[in-house]
Amino acid sequence: MLKKFSIDYVAIPRHNHRAFTHLTDDPVEAEEFLMHLLAAGAHIREIRHEGKALSRAQFDKMVKVAAERVASLMLRESLALDAAEIKSRFGFAA
């Protein structure tokens, strides 16, 4: 049985081009994994849902949400802001 989400990535693109695949049925876990990949500077090659590659718009939307969450967490930690202030000052959902 196929997992709902498959994320193909290269963990350390500057030194190794070996691709890995993360499999999960949980969309929240998929988003959190994308957050980890973005923070680590990994190369995200492809995201599939139920075996079918996401369209460019779907891919971009999923990565954008993950990037906004990473930015929100960084702002919360670095500036000691609460979720409401992050939303009002920077426009990121917390």
C-alpha atoms as a PDB file:
ATOM      1  CA  MET A   1       0.000   0.000   0.000  1.00  0.00           C
ATOM      2  CA  LEU A   2       1.282   3.458  -0.921  1.00  0.00           C
ATOM      3  CA  LYS A   3       1.885   6.026   1.749  1.00  0.00           C
ATOM      4  CA  LYS A   4      -0.127   9.213   1.318  1.00  0.00           C
ATOM      5  CA  PHE A   5       2.884  11.535   1.113  1.00  0.00           C
ATOM      6  CA  SER A   6       6.347  10.867  -0.334  1.00  0.00           C
ATOM      7  CA  ILE A   7       9.052  13.516  -0.153  1.00  0.00           C
ATOM      8  CA  ASP A   8      12.199  13.013  -2.235  1.00  0.00           C
ATOM      9  CA  TYR A   9      15.182  15.018  -1.032  1.00  0.00           C
ATOM     10  CA  VAL A  10      18.978  15.258  -0.981  1.00  0.00           C
ATOM     11  CA  ALA A  11      20.145  15.735   2.606  1.00  0.00           C
ATOM     12  CA  ILE A  12      23.518  17.405   1.962  1.00  0.00           C
ATOM     13  CA  PRO A  13      23.406  18.696  -1.620  1.00  0.00           C
ATOM     14  CA  ARG A  14      26.867  20.323  -1.555  1.00  0.00           C
ATOM     15  CA  HIS A  15      28.629  17.050  -0.745  1.00  0.00           C
ATOM     16  CA  ASN A  16      26.383  14.211  -1.811  1.00  0.00           C
ATOM     17  CA  HIS A  17      23.736  13.758  -4.465  1.00  0.00           C
ATOM     18  CA  ARG A  18      22.146  10.611  -3.034  1.00  0.00           C
ATOM     19  CA  ALA A  19      18.388  11.005  -2.876  1.00  0.00           C
ATOM     20  CA  PHE A  20      16.279   9.816   0.028  1.00  0.00           C
ATOM     21  CA  THR A  21      12.520   9.430   0.364  1.00  0.00           C
ATOM     22  CA  HIS A  22      10.450  10.185   3.451  1.00  0.00           C
ATOM     23  CA  LEU A  23       7.097   8.384   3.569  1.00  0.00           C
ATOM     24  CA  THR A  24       4.137   9.278   5.768  1.00  0.00           C
ATOM     25  CA  ASP A  25       0.350   9.105   5.889  1.00  0.00           C
ATOM     26  CA  ASP A  26       0.098  12.174   8.126  1.00  0.00           C
ATOM     27  CA  PRO A  27      -0.062  15.588   6.371  1.00  0.00           C
ATOM     28  CA  VAL A  28       1.101  17.369   9.539  1.00  0.00           C
ATOM     29  CA  GLU A  29       4.155  15.116   9.753  1.00  0.00           C
ATOM     30  CA  ALA A  30       4.867  15.782   6.063  1.00  0.00           C
ATOM     31  CA  GLU A  31       4.761  19.539   6.725  1.00  0.00           C
ATOM     32  CA  GLU A  32       7.004  19.209   9.787  1.00  0.00           C
ATOM     33  CA  PHE A  33       9.476  17.138   7.779  1.00  0.00           C
ATOM     34  CA  LEU A  34       9.521  19.852   5.097  1.00  0.00           C
ATOM     35  CA  MET A  35      10.246  22.391   7.846  1.00  0.00           C
ATOM     36  CA  HIS A  36      13.215  20.289   8.935  1.00  0.00           C
ATOM     37  CA  LEU A  37      14.492  20.017   5.348  1.00  0.00           C
ATOM     38  CA  LEU A  38      14.212  23.782   4.829  1.00  0.00           C
ATOM     39  CA  ALA A  39      16.010  24.576   8.078  1.00  0.00           C
ATOM     40  CA  ALA A  40      18.774  22.099   7.224  1.00  0.00           C
ATOM     41  CA  GLY A  41      19.275  23.446   3.698  1.00  0.00           C
ATOM     42  CA  ALA A  42      18.381  20.160   2.037  1.00  0.00           C
ATOM     43  CA  HIS A  43      17.350  19.998  -1.623  1.00  0.00           C
ATOM     44  CA  ILE A  44      13.665  19.055  -1.975  1.00  0.00           C
ATOM     45  CA  ARG A  45      13.290  17.254  -5.277  1.00  0.00           C
ATOM     46  CA  GLU A  46       9.657  16.173  -5.375  1.00  0.00           C
ATOM     47  CA  ILE A  47       6.561  15.759  -3.232  1.00  0.00           C
ATOM     48  CA  ARG A  48       4.034  13.089  -4.166  1.00  0.00           C
ATOM     49  CA  HIS A  49       0.535  12.566  -2.817  1.00  0.00           C
ATOM     50  CA  GLU A  50      -0.828   9.040  -3.194  1.00  0.00           C
ATOM     51  CA  GLY A  51       1.889   8.257  -5.737  1.00  0.00           C
ATOM     52  CA  LYS A  52       1.220  11.259  -7.978  1.00  0.00           C
ATOM     53  CA  ALA A  53       3.623  14.212  -8.128  1.00  0.00           C
ATOM     54  CA  LEU A  54       2.137  17.455  -6.853  1.00  0.00           C
ATOM     55  CA  SER A  55       1.592  20.196  -9.401  1.00  0.00           C
ATOM     56  CA  ARG A  56       3.981  23.118  -9.199  1.00  0.00           C
ATOM     57  CA  ALA A  57       1.304  25.243  -7.467  1.00  0.00           C
ATOM     58  CA  GLN A  58       0.568  22.516  -4.886  1.00  0.00           C
ATOM     59  CA  PHE A  59       4.281  21.923  -4.290  1.00  0.00           C
ATOM     60  CA  ASP A  60       4.905  25.653  -3.862  1.00  0.00           C
ATOM     61  CA  LYS A  61       1.968  26.034  -1.469  1.00  0.00           C
ATOM     62  CA  MET A  62       3.131  23.160   0.727  1.00  0.00           C
ATOM     63  CA  VAL A  63       6.720  24.460   0.839  1.00  0.00           C
ATOM     64  CA  LYS A  64       5.516  28.029   1.478  1.00  0.00           C
ATOM     65  CA  VAL A  65       3.458  26.946   4.497  1.00  0.00           C
ATOM     66  CA  ALA A  66       6.443  25.043   5.891  1.00  0.00           C
ATOM     67  CA  ALA A  67       8.751  28.038   5.280  1.00  0.00           C
ATOM     68  CA  GLU A  68       6.338  30.401   7.032  1.00  0.00           C
ATOM     69  CA  ARG A  69       6.197  28.073  10.020  1.00  0.00           C
ATOM     70  CA  VAL A  70      10.011  27.946  10.174  1.00  0.00           C
ATOM     71  CA  ALA A  71      10.173  31.751   9.999  1.00  0.00           C
ATOM     72  CA  SER A  72       7.513  32.059  12.678  1.00  0.00           C
ATOM     73  CA  LEU A  73       9.397  29.723  15.011  1.00  0.00           C
ATOM     74  CA  MET A  74      12.631  31.643  14.449  1.00  0.00           C
ATOM     75  CA  LEU A  75      10.943  34.959  15.212  1.00  0.00           C
ATOM     76  CA  ARG A  76       9.313  33.534  18.322  1.00  0.00           C
ATOM     77  CA  GLU A  77      12.666  32.293  19.606  1.00  0.00           C
ATOM     78  CA  SER A  78      14.842  35.232  18.565  1.00  0.00           C
ATOM     79  CA  LEU A  79      12.522  38.105  19.450  1.00  0.00           C
ATOM     80  CA  ALA A  80      10.499  36.473  22.245  1.00  0.00           C
ATOM     81  CA  LEU A  81       7.219  37.311  20.528  1.00  0.00           C
ATOM     82  CA  ASP A  82       3.870  35.621  20.943  1.00  0.00           C
ATOM     83  CA  ALA A  83       1.808  34.241  18.059  1.00  0.00           C
ATOM     84  CA  ALA A  84      -0.484  37.275  17.796  1.00  0.00           C
ATOM     85  CA  GLU A  85       2.426  39.713  17.576  1.00  0.00           C
ATOM     86  CA  ILE A  86       4.186  37.600  14.938  1.00  0.00           C
ATOM     87  CA  LYS A  87       0.983  37.601  12.902  1.00  0.00           C
ATOM     88  CA  SER A  88       0.402  41.351  13.213  1.00  0.00           C
ATOM     89  CA  ARG A  89       4.016  42.466  12.688  1.00  0.00           C
ATOM     90  CA  PHE A  90       5.245  39.956  10.107  1.00  0.00           C
ATOM     91  CA  GLY A  91       2.094  38.349   8.700  1.00  0.00           C
ATOM     92  CA  PHE A  92       3.120  34.794   9.524  1.00  0.00           C
ATOM     93  CA  ALA A  93       0.684  32.421  11.166  1.00  0.00           C
ATOM     94  CA  ALA A  94       2.170  31.062  14.355  1.00  0.00           C
END
